[in-house]
Amino acid sequence: MTITFGVSPIAWINDDMPELGGDTPLDSVLKDIAEVGFAGSELGGAFPKDPAELKATLGRFDLELVGGWYSCELLTRDAEAEIAALQGHLALLRALGSRVFVIAETSNAIHGQRDVPLKTRPHLDEAGWVQFGARLSAVADYVGAQGLNLAYHYHLGTVVQDADDLNNFFRHTRPNVGVTLDTGHAVLGGIDPHKVIAEHPERIVHVHCKDVRQAVFDATAGKDDSFLNGVLAGMFTVPGDGSIDFDRIMTGLKAIRYSGWIIIEAEQDPAKADPRTYAVLGLKKLKDAARKAGLIEAVAA
């Protein structure tokens, strides 16, 4: 059972707010990622979408493609329509050898709307959960048959944000629907990540490690502001720079024999938080915590 450290390029180029790092050359981002010591990167909006071109681009920096966010709309279309819609994304991941398919429901999400307060985010009733769970489970069946693990990403501003949402999610989806354990979205959304690890170990197929500045959240998105304004104010940061106990996170992952990618992902304004500097900080913290917990890092072939 081994772990591998990767990173999300969102700290360099933010896809939700192109004004944050949008003019940064992709080669500069990938050079930083490789030199800091990551083995792979998640997909970003600036990455080529042609498989051969993307493989060549990542290959120049000896990086793997870990996977990449996919926005589903299962509240407005059935599983068959969603499966048809995801074909291009799935084909790209398969061509690059990715084994995880990160997905989140966004048909009525508000996290991308800077003028909409987070507290107005959507909710599902019981009938909605039944339908959503059945459709997502069917999509997971299909993705699994293609050789990838479906890793649902609960997220602030969506229908799966707090502990009640996540409990409903587990209750209405089949065991083949995995989750992305995202520490930052868990803590700010009211989910205990340690409890998720302990109570749903079989569901954890991917890990995102971001830290939080609770006081910043409480004064912005946690009060009357939007998710994006909370991000701009600095409510997220890398492991080791906030309040989450990553030693305990790593000990929990060791206890459940987690094997797979551990991704550093922290949306910040690159003009205020130099991505490379923070990536170095975050990776050092996670490697130290993993070593103490007894997690073994995979050795590159």
C-alpha atoms as a PDB file:
ATOM      1  CA  MET A   1       0.000   0.000   0.000  1.00  0.00           C
ATOM      2  CA  THR A   2       1.692   3.185  -1.174  1.00  0.00           C
ATOM      3  CA  ILE A   3       0.884   6.862  -1.589  1.00  0.00           C
ATOM      4  CA  THR A   4       1.982   9.310  -4.261  1.00  0.00           C
ATOM      5  CA  PHE A   5       2.048  13.088  -3.909  1.00  0.00           C
ATOM      6  CA  GLY A   6       0.548  15.289  -6.594  1.00  0.00           C
ATOM      7  CA  VAL A   7      -0.778  18.817  -6.878  1.00  0.00           C
ATOM      8  CA  SER A   8      -3.584  20.789  -8.442  1.00  0.00           C
ATOM      9  CA  PRO A   9      -2.518  23.611 -10.789  1.00  0.00           C
ATOM     10  CA  ILE A  10      -5.302  25.821  -9.388  1.00  0.00           C
ATOM     11  CA  ALA A  11      -2.808  27.655  -7.152  1.00  0.00           C
ATOM     12  CA  TRP A  12      -1.003  28.870 -10.286  1.00  0.00           C
ATOM     13  CA  ILE A  13      -3.962  29.289 -12.675  1.00  0.00           C
ATOM     14  CA  ASN A  14      -7.462  29.472 -11.215  1.00  0.00           C
ATOM     15  CA  ASP A  15     -10.062  28.122 -13.651  1.00  0.00           C
ATOM     16  CA  ASP A  16     -12.971  29.669 -11.722  1.00  0.00           C
ATOM     17  CA  MET A  17     -11.357  33.127 -11.736  1.00  0.00           C
ATOM     18  CA  PRO A  18      -9.166  33.487 -14.850  1.00  0.00           C
ATOM     19  CA  GLU A  19      -7.887  36.802 -13.554  1.00  0.00           C
ATOM     20  CA  LEU A  20      -5.895  34.798 -11.012  1.00  0.00           C
ATOM     21  CA  GLY A  21      -2.820  33.612 -12.870  1.00  0.00           C
ATOM     22  CA  GLY A  22      -4.538  33.302 -16.221  1.00  0.00           C
ATOM     23  CA  ASP A  23      -1.538  34.750 -18.049  1.00  0.00           C
ATOM     24  CA  THR A  24       0.931  32.294 -16.485  1.00  0.00           C
ATOM     25  CA  PRO A  25       2.552  30.044 -19.135  1.00  0.00           C
ATOM     26  CA  LEU A  26       1.686  26.372 -18.645  1.00  0.00           C
ATOM     27  CA  ASP A  27       5.331  25.334 -18.985  1.00  0.00           C
ATOM     28  CA  SER A  28       6.185  27.612 -16.077  1.00  0.00           C
ATOM     29  CA  VAL A  29       3.538  25.927 -13.937  1.00  0.00           C
ATOM     30  CA  LEU A  30       4.676  22.411 -14.835  1.00  0.00           C
ATOM     31  CA  LYS A  31       8.324  23.319 -14.276  1.00  0.00           C
ATOM     32  CA  ASP A  32       7.476  24.474 -10.756  1.00  0.00           C
ATOM     33  CA  ILE A  33       5.434  21.346 -10.055  1.00  0.00           C
ATOM     34  CA  ALA A  34       8.218  19.030 -11.162  1.00  0.00           C
ATOM     35  CA  GLU A  35      11.012  20.917  -9.410  1.00  0.00           C
ATOM     36  CA  VAL A  36       9.124  21.091  -6.113  1.00  0.00           C
ATOM     37  CA  GLY A  37       8.981  17.298  -6.176  1.00  0.00           C
ATOM     38  CA  PHE A  38       5.469  16.259  -7.162  1.00  0.00           C
ATOM     39  CA  ALA A  39       4.973  13.108  -9.233  1.00  0.00           C
ATOM     40  CA  GLY A  40       1.843  14.311 -10.981  1.00  0.00           C
ATOM     41  CA  SER A  41      -0.692  17.025 -11.549  1.00  0.00           C
ATOM     42  CA  GLU A  42      -4.437  17.140 -11.820  1.00  0.00           C
ATOM     43  CA  LEU A  43      -5.920  18.521 -15.025  1.00  0.00           C
ATOM     44  CA  GLY A  44      -6.231  22.289 -15.379  1.00  0.00           C
ATOM     45  CA  GLY A  45      -8.088  24.464 -17.853  1.00  0.00           C
ATOM     46  CA  ALA A  46      -4.830  25.547 -19.529  1.00  0.00           C
ATOM     47  CA  PHE A  47      -3.796  21.948 -20.249  1.00  0.00           C
ATOM     48  CA  PRO A  48      -4.052  20.637 -23.836  1.00  0.00           C
ATOM     49  CA  LYS A  49      -7.132  18.477 -24.366  1.00  0.00           C
ATOM     50  CA  ASP A  50      -5.634  16.435 -27.187  1.00  0.00           C
ATOM     51  CA  PRO A  51      -4.284  13.210 -25.605  1.00  0.00           C
ATOM     52  CA  ALA A  52      -1.083  13.067 -27.640  1.00  0.00           C
ATOM     53  CA  GLU A  53      -0.290  16.729 -27.031  1.00  0.00           C
ATOM     54  CA  LEU A  54      -1.047  16.470 -23.309  1.00  0.00           C
ATOM     55  CA  LYS A  55       1.071  13.341 -22.960  1.00  0.00           C
ATOM     56  CA  ALA A  56       3.987  15.082 -24.663  1.00  0.00           C
ATOM     57  CA  THR A  57       3.559  18.226 -22.554  1.00  0.00           C
ATOM     58  CA  LEU A  58       3.547  16.345 -19.250  1.00  0.00           C
ATOM     59  CA  GLY A  59       6.288  14.044 -20.482  1.00  0.00           C
ATOM     60  CA  ARG A  60       8.693  16.948 -20.876  1.00  0.00           C
ATOM     61  CA  PHE A  61       8.488  17.376 -17.104  1.00  0.00           C
ATOM     62  CA  ASP A  62       8.196  13.669 -16.206  1.00  0.00           C
ATOM     63  CA  LEU A  63       4.761  14.219 -14.673  1.00  0.00           C
ATOM     64  CA  GLU A  64       1.705  11.974 -14.574  1.00  0.00           C
ATOM     65  CA  LEU A  65      -1.869  13.115 -15.103  1.00  0.00           C
ATOM     66  CA  VAL A  66      -3.635  12.274 -11.878  1.00  0.00           C
ATOM     67  CA  GLY A  67      -7.159  13.009 -13.008  1.00  0.00           C
ATOM     68  CA  GLY A  68      -9.311  16.079 -13.269  1.00  0.00           C
ATOM     69  CA  TRP A  69     -12.544  17.664 -12.120  1.00  0.00           C
ATOM     70  CA  TYR A  70     -15.686  16.851 -14.115  1.00  0.00           C
ATOM     71  CA  SER A  71     -18.882  18.870 -13.586  1.00  0.00           C
ATOM     72  CA  CYS A  72     -21.941  16.636 -13.776  1.00  0.00           C
ATOM     73  CA  GLU A  73     -25.571  17.721 -14.073  1.00  0.00           C
ATOM     74  CA  LEU A  74     -27.441  14.728 -12.724  1.00  0.00           C
ATOM     75  CA  LEU A  75     -30.171  16.874 -11.217  1.00  0.00           C
ATOM     76  CA  THR A  76     -31.235  17.897 -14.716  1.00  0.00           C
ATOM     77  CA  ARG A  77     -30.390  14.857 -16.857  1.00  0.00           C
ATOM     78  CA  ASP A  78     -30.412  11.091 -16.406  1.00  0.00           C
ATOM     79  CA  ALA A  79     -27.430   8.777 -16.129  1.00  0.00           C
ATOM     80  CA  GLU A  80     -27.465   7.851 -19.798  1.00  0.00           C
ATOM     81  CA  ALA A  81     -27.268  11.493 -20.857  1.00  0.00           C
ATOM     82  CA  GLU A  82     -24.490  12.140 -18.346  1.00  0.00           C
ATOM     83  CA  ILE A  83     -22.500   9.162 -19.592  1.00  0.00           C
ATOM     84  CA  ALA A  84     -22.783  10.523 -23.119  1.00  0.00           C
ATOM     85  CA  ALA A  85     -21.651  13.963 -21.948  1.00  0.00           C
ATOM     86  CA  LEU A  86     -18.558  12.715 -20.096  1.00  0.00           C
ATOM     87  CA  GLN A  87     -17.070  10.732 -22.974  1.00  0.00           C
ATOM     88  CA  GLY A  88     -14.452  13.316 -23.976  1.00  0.00           C
ATOM     89  CA  HIS A  89     -13.199  13.808 -20.428  1.00  0.00           C
ATOM     90  CA  LEU A  90     -13.112  10.077 -19.791  1.00  0.00           C
ATOM     91  CA  ALA A  91     -11.231   9.389 -23.024  1.00  0.00           C
ATOM     92  CA  LEU A  92      -8.561  11.935 -22.111  1.00  0.00           C
ATOM     93  CA  LEU A  93      -8.063  10.453 -18.644  1.00  0.00           C
ATOM     94  CA  ARG A  94      -7.881   6.903 -19.993  1.00  0.00           C
ATOM     95  CA  ALA A  95      -5.406   7.882 -22.691  1.00  0.00           C
ATOM     96  CA  LEU A  96      -3.095   9.386 -20.050  1.00  0.00           C
ATOM     97  CA  GLY A  97      -3.408   6.408 -17.703  1.00  0.00           C
ATOM     98  CA  SER A  98      -5.403   8.123 -14.959  1.00  0.00           C
ATOM     99  CA  ARG A  99      -7.215   5.862 -12.521  1.00  0.00           C
ATOM    100  CA  VAL A 100      -9.488   8.334 -10.780  1.00  0.00           C
ATOM    101  CA  PHE A 101     -12.485  10.274 -12.104  1.00  0.00           C
ATOM    102  CA  VAL A 102     -13.237  13.275  -9.869  1.00  0.00           C
ATOM    103  CA  ILE A 103     -16.840  14.411 -10.251  1.00  0.00           C
ATOM    104  CA  ALA A 104     -19.170  16.942  -8.619  1.00  0.00           C
ATOM    105  CA  GLU A 105     -22.777  17.999  -9.170  1.00  0.00           C
ATOM    106  CA  THR A 106     -22.872  21.568 -10.477  1.00  0.00           C
ATOM    107  CA  SER A 107     -26.219  22.020 -12.230  1.00  0.00           C
ATOM    108  CA  ASN A 108     -27.448  24.309  -9.448  1.00  0.00           C
ATOM    109  CA  ALA A 109     -24.168  25.063  -7.668  1.00  0.00           C
ATOM    110  CA  ILE A 110     -23.276  28.622  -6.675  1.00  0.00           C
ATOM    111  CA  HIS A 111     -19.564  28.359  -5.905  1.00  0.00           C
ATOM    112  CA  GLY A 112     -18.637  29.951  -9.227  1.00  0.00           C
ATOM    113  CA  GLN A 113     -20.830  33.036  -8.716  1.00  0.00           C
ATOM    114  CA  ARG A 114     -18.963  35.805  -6.963  1.00  0.00           C
ATOM    115  CA  ASP A 115     -22.077  37.855  -6.199  1.00  0.00           C
ATOM    116  CA  VAL A 116     -24.080  35.006  -4.606  1.00  0.00           C
ATOM    117  CA  PRO A 117     -23.683  34.397  -0.843  1.00  0.00           C
ATOM    118  CA  LEU A 118     -22.557  30.903   0.099  1.00  0.00           C
ATOM    119  CA  LYS A 119     -25.382  30.641   2.637  1.00  0.00           C
ATOM    120  CA  THR A 120     -27.900  30.506  -0.250  1.00  0.00           C
ATOM    121  CA  ARG A 121     -26.418  27.297  -1.626  1.00  0.00           C
ATOM    122  CA  PRO A 122     -28.851  24.580  -2.865  1.00  0.00           C
ATOM    123  CA  HIS A 123     -30.283  21.635  -0.942  1.00  0.00           C
ATOM    124  CA  LEU A 124     -31.957  18.359  -1.926  1.00  0.00           C
ATOM    125  CA  ASP A 125     -35.145  16.898  -0.486  1.00  0.00           C
ATOM    126  CA  GLU A 126     -35.569  13.156   0.046  1.00  0.00           C
ATOM    127  CA  ALA A 127     -36.916  12.537  -3.449  1.00  0.00           C
ATOM    128  CA  GLY A 128     -34.011  14.502  -4.867  1.00  0.00           C
ATOM    129  CA  TRP A 129     -31.506  12.402  -2.951  1.00  0.00           C
ATOM    130  CA  VAL A 130     -33.099   9.160  -4.156  1.00  0.00           C
ATOM    131  CA  GLN A 131     -32.924  10.232  -7.789  1.00  0.00           C
ATOM    132  CA  PHE A 132     -29.461  11.772  -7.531  1.00  0.00           C
ATOM    133  CA  GLY A 133     -28.038   8.731  -5.735  1.00  0.00           C
ATOM    134  CA  ALA A 134     -29.420   6.293  -8.275  1.00  0.00           C
ATOM    135  CA  ARG A 135     -28.137   8.301 -11.224  1.00  0.00           C
ATOM    136  CA  LEU A 136     -24.689   8.814  -9.712  1.00  0.00           C
ATOM    137  CA  SER A 137     -24.418   5.109  -8.874  1.00  0.00           C
ATOM    138  CA  ALA A 138     -25.204   4.242 -12.497  1.00  0.00           C
ATOM    139  CA  VAL A 139     -22.507   6.642 -13.701  1.00  0.00           C
ATOM    140  CA  ALA A 140     -20.065   5.038 -11.260  1.00  0.00           C
ATOM    141  CA  ASP A 141     -20.907   1.627 -12.712  1.00  0.00           C
ATOM    142  CA  TYR A 142     -20.000   2.868 -16.173  1.00  0.00           C
ATOM    143  CA  VAL A 143     -16.821   4.697 -15.132  1.00  0.00           C
ATOM    144  CA  GLY A 144     -15.703   1.671 -13.114  1.00  0.00           C
ATOM    145  CA  ALA A 145     -16.197  -0.590 -16.127  1.00  0.00           C
ATOM    146  CA  GLN A 146     -13.812   1.723 -18.008  1.00  0.00           C
ATOM    147  CA  GLY A 147     -11.109   1.143 -15.396  1.00  0.00           C
ATOM    148  CA  LEU A 148     -11.408   4.297 -13.281  1.00  0.00           C
ATOM    149  CA  ASN A 149     -12.640   4.880  -9.744  1.00  0.00           C
ATOM    150  CA  LEU A 150     -15.380   7.485  -9.426  1.00  0.00           C
ATOM    151  CA  ALA A 151     -14.377   9.962  -6.695  1.00  0.00           C
ATOM    152  CA  TYR A 152     -17.212  12.330  -5.810  1.00  0.00           C
ATOM    153  CA  HIS A 153     -16.003  15.734  -4.624  1.00  0.00           C
ATOM    154  CA  TYR A 154     -18.247  17.293  -1.963  1.00  0.00           C
ATOM    155  CA  HIS A 155     -17.781  21.038  -2.257  1.00  0.00           C
ATOM    156  CA  LEU A 156     -18.869  24.320  -0.703  1.00  0.00           C
ATOM    157  CA  GLY A 157     -21.735  25.873  -2.641  1.00  0.00           C
ATOM    158  CA  THR A 158     -23.164  22.578  -3.890  1.00  0.00           C
ATOM    159  CA  VAL A 159     -25.803  20.066  -2.801  1.00  0.00           C
ATOM    160  CA  VAL A 160     -23.175  18.040  -0.936  1.00  0.00           C
ATOM    161  CA  GLN A 161     -21.605  20.505   1.486  1.00  0.00           C
ATOM    162  CA  ASP A 162     -22.331  19.652   5.125  1.00  0.00           C
ATOM    163  CA  ALA A 163     -22.426  16.544   7.322  1.00  0.00           C
ATOM    164  CA  ASP A 164     -26.138  15.905   6.741  1.00  0.00           C
ATOM    165  CA  ASP A 165     -25.599  16.137   2.986  1.00  0.00           C
ATOM    166  CA  LEU A 166     -22.730  13.670   3.123  1.00  0.00           C
ATOM    167  CA  ASN A 167     -24.739  11.239   5.250  1.00  0.00           C
ATOM    168  CA  ASN A 168     -27.551  11.392   2.705  1.00  0.00           C
ATOM    169  CA  PHE A 169     -24.998  10.947  -0.053  1.00  0.00           C
ATOM    170  CA  PHE A 170     -23.655   7.746   1.518  1.00  0.00           C
ATOM    171  CA  ARG A 171     -27.166   6.502   2.258  1.00  0.00           C
ATOM    172  CA  HIS A 172     -28.424   6.942  -1.296  1.00  0.00           C
ATOM    173  CA  THR A 173     -25.389   5.860  -3.342  1.00  0.00           C
ATOM    174  CA  ARG A 174     -24.014   2.376  -3.761  1.00  0.00           C
ATOM    175  CA  PRO A 175     -20.559   1.424  -2.421  1.00  0.00           C
ATOM    176  CA  ASN A 176     -19.075   1.779  -5.909  1.00  0.00           C
ATOM    177  CA  VAL A 177     -19.436   5.561  -5.571  1.00  0.00           C
ATOM    178  CA  GLY A 178     -16.190   6.702  -3.999  1.00  0.00           C
ATOM    179  CA  VAL A 179     -15.367  10.112  -2.576  1.00  0.00           C
ATOM    180  CA  THR A 180     -12.548  12.587  -2.778  1.00  0.00           C
ATOM    181  CA  LEU A 181     -11.607  13.241   0.833  1.00  0.00           C
ATOM    182  CA  ASP A 182     -11.116  17.010   0.673  1.00  0.00           C
ATOM    183  CA  THR A 183      -9.947  18.259   4.056  1.00  0.00           C
ATOM    184  CA  GLY A 184     -10.564  21.962   3.464  1.00  0.00           C
ATOM    185  CA  HIS A 185     -14.049  21.665   2.031  1.00  0.00           C
ATOM    186  CA  ALA A 186     -14.897  19.214   4.806  1.00  0.00           C
ATOM    187  CA  VAL A 187     -13.864  21.469   7.682  1.00  0.00           C
ATOM    188  CA  LEU A 188     -15.411  24.662   6.301  1.00  0.00           C
ATOM    189  CA  GLY A 189     -18.545  22.803   5.217  1.00  0.00           C
ATOM    190  CA  GLY A 190     -19.150  21.279   8.645  1.00  0.00           C
ATOM    191  CA  ILE A 191     -17.856  17.777   7.893  1.00  0.00           C
ATOM    192  CA  ASP A 192     -15.370  16.032  10.192  1.00  0.00           C
ATOM    193  CA  PRO A 193     -12.741  14.538   7.842  1.00  0.00           C
ATOM    194  CA  HIS A 194     -11.425  12.247  10.584  1.00  0.00           C
ATOM    195  CA  LYS A 195     -14.917  10.793  11.022  1.00  0.00           C
ATOM    196  CA  VAL A 196     -15.243  10.226   7.278  1.00  0.00           C
ATOM    197  CA  ILE A 197     -11.960   8.310   7.286  1.00  0.00           C
ATOM    198  CA  ALA A 198     -12.967   6.191  10.257  1.00  0.00           C
ATOM    199  CA  GLU A 199     -16.565   5.488   9.255  1.00  0.00           C
ATOM    200  CA  HIS A 200     -16.353   5.232   5.458  1.00  0.00           C
ATOM    201  CA  PRO A 201     -12.863   3.909   4.675  1.00  0.00           C
ATOM    202  CA  GLU A 202     -14.033   1.888   1.684  1.00  0.00           C
ATOM    203  CA  ARG A 203     -15.379   5.029   0.006  1.00  0.00           C
ATOM    204  CA  ILE A 204     -12.145   7.035   0.068  1.00  0.00           C
ATOM    205  CA  VAL A 205     -10.507   6.640  -3.337  1.00  0.00           C
ATOM    206  CA  HIS A 206      -8.790  10.019  -3.681  1.00  0.00           C
ATOM    207  CA  VAL A 207      -7.450  12.651  -1.273  1.00  0.00           C
ATOM    208  CA  HIS A 208      -7.203  16.451  -1.549  1.00  0.00           C
ATOM    209  CA  CYS A 209      -5.244  18.138   1.221  1.00  0.00           C
ATOM    210  CA  LYS A 210      -5.899  21.822   1.728  1.00  0.00           C
ATOM    211  CA  ASP A 211      -5.693  23.763   4.966  1.00  0.00           C
ATOM    212  CA  VAL A 212      -8.053  26.489   6.172  1.00  0.00           C
ATOM    213  CA  ARG A 213      -7.980  29.856   7.857  1.00  0.00           C
ATOM    214  CA  GLN A 214     -11.175  29.536   9.879  1.00  0.00           C
ATOM    215  CA  ALA A 215     -11.321  33.170  10.953  1.00  0.00           C
ATOM    216  CA  VAL A 216     -11.164  34.347   7.334  1.00  0.00           C
ATOM    217  CA  PHE A 217     -13.993  31.990   6.382  1.00  0.00           C
ATOM    218  CA  ASP A 218     -16.097  33.091   9.351  1.00  0.00           C
ATOM    219  CA  ALA A 219     -15.765  36.728   8.299  1.00  0.00           C
ATOM    220  CA  THR A 220     -16.505  36.131   4.602  1.00  0.00           C
ATOM    221  CA  ALA A 221     -18.151  33.092   2.996  1.00  0.00           C
ATOM    222  CA  GLY A 222     -19.168  31.720   6.369  1.00  0.00           C
ATOM    223  CA  LYS A 223     -21.132  34.894   7.032  1.00  0.00           C
ATOM    224  CA  ASP A 224     -22.751  36.806   4.168  1.00  0.00           C
ATOM    225  CA  ASP A 225     -20.210  36.610   1.366  1.00  0.00           C
ATOM    226  CA  SER A 226     -19.667  34.314  -1.608  1.00  0.00           C
ATOM    227  CA  PHE A 227     -17.371  31.324  -1.952  1.00  0.00           C
ATOM    228  CA  LEU A 228     -15.113  33.119  -4.425  1.00  0.00           C
ATOM    229  CA  ASN A 229     -14.768  36.177  -2.205  1.00  0.00           C
ATOM    230  CA  GLY A 230     -13.797  33.848   0.616  1.00  0.00           C
ATOM    231  CA  VAL A 231     -11.129  32.361  -1.631  1.00  0.00           C
ATOM    232  CA  LEU A 232      -9.849  35.825  -2.539  1.00  0.00           C
ATOM    233  CA  ALA A 233      -9.713  36.760   1.137  1.00  0.00           C
ATOM    234  CA  GLY A 234      -7.551  33.720   1.855  1.00  0.00           C
ATOM    235  CA  MET A 235      -9.811  31.161   3.553  1.00  0.00           C
ATOM    236  CA  PHE A 236      -7.812  28.311   1.984  1.00  0.00           C
ATOM    237  CA  THR A 237      -4.096  27.610   2.216  1.00  0.00           C
ATOM    238  CA  VAL A 238      -1.701  24.670   1.996  1.00  0.00           C
ATOM    239  CA  PRO A 239      -1.140  22.045   4.717  1.00  0.00           C
ATOM    240  CA  GLY A 240       0.943  23.419   7.550  1.00  0.00           C
ATOM    241  CA  ASP A 241      -0.319  26.985   7.203  1.00  0.00           C
ATOM    242  CA  GLY A 242      -3.760  26.636   8.791  1.00  0.00           C
ATOM    243  CA  SER A 243      -5.615  24.823  11.544  1.00  0.00           C
ATOM    244  CA  ILE A 244      -6.133  21.265  10.251  1.00  0.00           C
ATOM    245  CA  ASP A 245      -4.202  18.480  11.996  1.00  0.00           C
ATOM    246  CA  PHE A 246      -2.550  16.705   9.069  1.00  0.00           C
ATOM    247  CA  ASP A 247      -0.592  14.394  11.338  1.00  0.00           C
ATOM    248  CA  ARG A 248      -3.945  12.978  12.389  1.00  0.00           C
ATOM    249  CA  ILE A 249      -5.195  12.872   8.785  1.00  0.00           C
ATOM    250  CA  MET A 250      -2.177  10.809   7.735  1.00  0.00           C
ATOM    251  CA  THR A 251      -2.478   8.524  10.750  1.00  0.00           C
ATOM    252  CA  GLY A 252      -6.105   7.919   9.797  1.00  0.00           C
ATOM    253  CA  LEU A 253      -5.193   7.123   6.199  1.00  0.00           C
ATOM    254  CA  LYS A 254      -2.553   4.700   7.421  1.00  0.00           C
ATOM    255  CA  ALA A 255      -5.109   2.976   9.659  1.00  0.00           C
ATOM    256  CA  ILE A 256      -7.443   2.309   6.708  1.00  0.00           C
ATOM    257  CA  ARG A 257      -4.549   1.234   4.474  1.00  0.00           C
ATOM    258  CA  TYR A 258      -5.182   4.004   1.968  1.00  0.00           C
ATOM    259  CA  SER A 259      -3.280   3.604  -1.268  1.00  0.00           C
ATOM    260  CA  GLY A 260      -3.319   6.216  -4.007  1.00  0.00           C
ATOM    261  CA  TRP A 261      -2.757   9.881  -4.716  1.00  0.00           C
ATOM    262  CA  ILE A 262      -2.577  12.604  -2.102  1.00  0.00           C
ATOM    263  CA  ILE A 263      -3.059  15.981  -3.761  1.00  0.00           C
ATOM    264  CA  ILE A 264      -2.200  19.424  -2.457  1.00  0.00           C
ATOM    265  CA  GLU A 265      -4.924  21.779  -3.623  1.00  0.00           C
ATOM    266  CA  ALA A 266      -5.380  25.269  -2.220  1.00  0.00           C
ATOM    267  CA  GLU A 267      -7.145  28.038  -4.092  1.00  0.00           C
ATOM    268  CA  GLN A 268      -5.251  31.254  -3.386  1.00  0.00           C
ATOM    269  CA  ASP A 269      -4.455  34.448  -5.241  1.00  0.00           C
ATOM    270  CA  PRO A 270      -1.024  33.751  -6.781  1.00  0.00           C
ATOM    271  CA  ALA A 271      -0.168  37.457  -6.578  1.00  0.00           C
ATOM    272  CA  LYS A 272      -0.488  37.264  -2.799  1.00  0.00           C
ATOM    273  CA  ALA A 273       0.561  33.652  -2.191  1.00  0.00           C
ATOM    274  CA  ASP A 274       3.416  32.552  -4.438  1.00  0.00           C
ATOM    275  CA  PRO A 275       2.311  29.093  -5.666  1.00  0.00           C
ATOM    276  CA  ARG A 276       5.766  27.538  -5.663  1.00  0.00           C
ATOM    277  CA  THR A 277       6.626  28.788  -2.172  1.00  0.00           C
ATOM    278  CA  TYR A 278       3.364  27.459  -0.753  1.00  0.00           C
ATOM    279  CA  ALA A 279       3.690  24.176  -2.658  1.00  0.00           C
ATOM    280  CA  VAL A 280       7.078  23.610  -1.036  1.00  0.00           C
ATOM    281  CA  LEU A 281       5.577  24.303   2.392  1.00  0.00           C
ATOM    282  CA  GLY A 282       2.592  22.034   1.832  1.00  0.00           C
ATOM    283  CA  LEU A 283       4.572  19.121   0.423  1.00  0.00           C
ATOM    284  CA  LYS A 284       7.090  19.229   3.276  1.00  0.00           C
ATOM    285  CA  LYS A 285       4.278  19.171   5.835  1.00  0.00           C
ATOM    286  CA  LEU A 286       2.521  16.240   4.190  1.00  0.00           C
ATOM    287  CA  LYS A 287       5.699  14.232   3.697  1.00  0.00           C
ATOM    288  CA  ASP A 288       6.690  14.755   7.321  1.00  0.00           C
ATOM    289  CA  ALA A 289       3.213  13.761   8.493  1.00  0.00           C
ATOM    290  CA  ALA A 290       3.114  10.723   6.225  1.00  0.00           C
ATOM    291  CA  ARG A 291       6.517   9.580   7.396  1.00  0.00           C
ATOM    292  CA  LYS A 292       5.476   9.843  11.041  1.00  0.00           C
ATOM    293  CA  ALA A 293       2.298   7.895  10.305  1.00  0.00           C
ATOM    294  CA  GLY A 294       4.194   5.126   8.531  1.00  0.00           C
ATOM    295  CA  LEU A 295       2.745   5.741   5.100  1.00  0.00           C
ATOM    296  CA  ILE A 296       5.087   4.610   2.335  1.00  0.00           C
ATOM    297  CA  GLU A 297       5.636   6.818  -0.680  1.00  0.00           C
ATOM    298  CA  ALA A 298       5.664   5.095  -4.050  1.00  0.00           C
ATOM    299  CA  VAL A 299       8.993   4.938  -5.846  1.00  0.00           C
ATOM    300  CA  ALA A 300       8.974   6.204  -9.417  1.00  0.00           C
ATOM    301  CA  ALA A 301       9.509   3.511 -12.028  1.00  0.00           C
END
